[in-house]
Amino acid sequence: MDLIEIRKKYKTLVVAPYKIKLAHAKIEEVLHILPSILEYIRKDNYYLIDLDIMQDFVGIFNKAEMIDYLTTNYNFCYSNEYIEGYNRIVDNDHTVGIDCLTLVEIEYTG
């Protein structure tokens, strides 16, 4: 359920962000149990709005080079573009550091 659907369903919407650090959890295990967790919390009218998966890389990160690599070799485009079925690279340099690249993956429905 996305934020628009949630707003339609509830008269008063309260959004309370929570950040849970899972630095030592295996991503495969988290993604495996996530559907059952979402089903469980939905019973009490809690919904996941955002899932942020980060990966730290050691050393110097060349953001422009990485963007070029992703857009040339994989299905990524800039956030101000729209290409059907492509993941987006968010233009948020004004809010994140030069060592951060934010990617939005398309919803997988299969």
Protein backbone atom coordinates (compact mmCIF):
# COMPACT_ATOMS: atom_id res chain seq x y z
CA MET A 1 0.00 0.00 0.00
CA ASP A 2 1.49 3.34 -0.95
CA LEU A 3 1.13 6.65 0.87
CA ILE A 4 -1.73 7.85 -1.36
CA GLU A 5 -3.79 4.72 -0.62
CA ILE A 6 -3.07 5.07 3.10
CA ARG A 7 -4.27 8.71 3.06
CA LYS A 8 -7.50 7.64 1.35
CA LYS A 9 -8.11 4.90 3.93
CA TYR A 10 -7.53 6.93 7.11
CA LYS A 11 -9.06 10.26 8.15
CA THR A 12 -6.10 11.27 10.32
CA LEU A 13 -2.68 10.14 9.18
CA VAL A 14 0.23 10.05 11.57
CA VAL A 15 3.65 9.32 10.14
CA ALA A 16 6.32 8.40 12.65
CA PRO A 17 9.67 7.52 11.14
CA TYR A 18 11.63 4.72 12.72
CA LYS A 19 15.10 3.64 11.76
CA ILE A 20 16.17 0.11 12.58
CA LYS A 21 19.85 -0.68 12.20
CA LEU A 22 20.45 -4.15 10.82
CA ALA A 23 24.16 -3.84 10.10
CA HIS A 24 24.86 -7.46 10.95
CA ALA A 25 21.75 -8.97 9.36
CA LYS A 26 21.99 -10.77 6.03
CA ILE A 27 19.96 -8.94 3.39
CA GLU A 28 18.65 -12.21 1.94
CA GLU A 29 17.21 -13.20 5.32
CA VAL A 30 15.65 -9.77 5.90
CA LEU A 31 13.99 -9.75 2.48
CA HIS A 32 12.78 -13.32 3.00
CA ILE A 33 10.89 -12.52 6.24
CA LEU A 34 9.83 -8.97 5.30
CA PRO A 35 6.45 -9.95 3.73
CA SER A 36 5.34 -11.73 6.90
CA ILE A 37 6.49 -8.80 9.06
CA LEU A 38 4.53 -6.36 6.89
CA GLU A 39 1.43 -8.54 7.11
CA TYR A 40 1.77 -8.71 10.89
CA ILE A 41 2.20 -4.95 11.46
CA ARG A 42 -0.60 -4.09 9.00
CA LYS A 43 -3.07 -5.67 11.45
CA ASP A 44 -2.34 -2.77 13.82
CA ASN A 45 -2.45 -0.20 11.00
CA TYR A 46 1.30 0.20 10.66
CA TYR A 47 2.75 0.41 7.17
CA LEU A 48 6.22 0.47 5.71
CA ILE A 49 6.64 3.58 3.60
CA ASP A 50 10.37 3.41 2.92
CA LEU A 51 13.04 0.73 3.02
CA ASP A 52 16.56 2.05 2.77
CA ILE A 53 19.30 -0.48 2.00
CA MET A 54 22.74 1.03 2.18
CA GLN A 55 26.13 -0.31 1.22
CA ASP A 56 29.32 1.34 2.36
CA PHE A 57 32.32 1.23 0.07
CA VAL A 58 35.85 1.78 1.27
CA GLY A 59 37.97 4.29 -0.61
CA ILE A 60 37.26 7.14 -2.95
CA PHE A 61 33.93 7.04 -4.72
CA ASN A 62 33.52 8.78 -8.06
CA LYS A 63 29.80 9.48 -8.27
CA ALA A 64 29.81 10.72 -11.87
CA GLU A 65 31.75 7.65 -13.00
CA MET A 66 29.33 5.30 -11.22
CA ILE A 67 26.30 7.06 -12.73
CA ASP A 68 27.82 6.78 -16.19
CA TYR A 69 28.54 3.09 -15.62
CA LEU A 70 25.00 2.34 -14.43
CA THR A 71 23.26 4.29 -17.20
CA THR A 72 25.50 2.81 -19.89
CA ASN A 73 25.53 -0.83 -18.79
CA TYR A 74 22.30 -1.35 -16.84
CA ASN A 75 18.69 -0.19 -16.84
CA PHE A 76 19.18 3.06 -14.90
CA CYS A 77 18.14 6.57 -15.87
CA TYR A 78 18.17 9.97 -14.17
CA SER A 79 15.24 10.86 -11.92
CA ASN A 80 14.13 13.67 -14.26
CA GLU A 81 13.85 11.16 -17.13
CA TYR A 82 11.26 8.44 -17.55
CA ILE A 83 12.13 5.24 -19.30
CA GLU A 84 9.66 2.37 -18.90
CA GLY A 85 11.10 -0.40 -16.73
CA TYR A 86 14.23 1.53 -15.72
CA ASN A 87 15.49 2.16 -12.20
CA ARG A 88 16.08 5.81 -11.30
CA ILE A 89 19.13 7.67 -10.04
CA VAL A 90 17.93 10.36 -7.65
CA ASP A 91 19.34 13.86 -8.03
CA ASN A 92 19.77 14.73 -4.36
CA ASP A 93 23.28 16.15 -4.25
CA HIS A 94 21.94 19.11 -2.26
CA THR A 95 20.89 16.82 0.64
CA VAL A 96 23.52 14.06 0.65
CA GLY A 97 27.29 13.97 0.50
CA ILE A 98 29.38 13.50 -2.61
CA ASP A 99 29.98 9.93 -1.49
CA CYS A 100 26.28 8.98 -1.63
CA LEU A 101 24.36 7.72 -4.65
CA THR A 102 20.63 7.15 -4.20
CA LEU A 103 18.95 4.61 -6.45
CA VAL A 104 15.23 3.88 -6.71
CA GLU A 105 14.42 0.46 -8.08
CA ILE A 106 11.26 -0.19 -10.04
CA GLU A 107 8.63 -2.23 -8.26
CA TYR A 108 8.98 -5.91 -8.97
CA THR A 109 5.57 -7.50 -9.41
CA GLY A 110 6.61 -10.96 -10.58
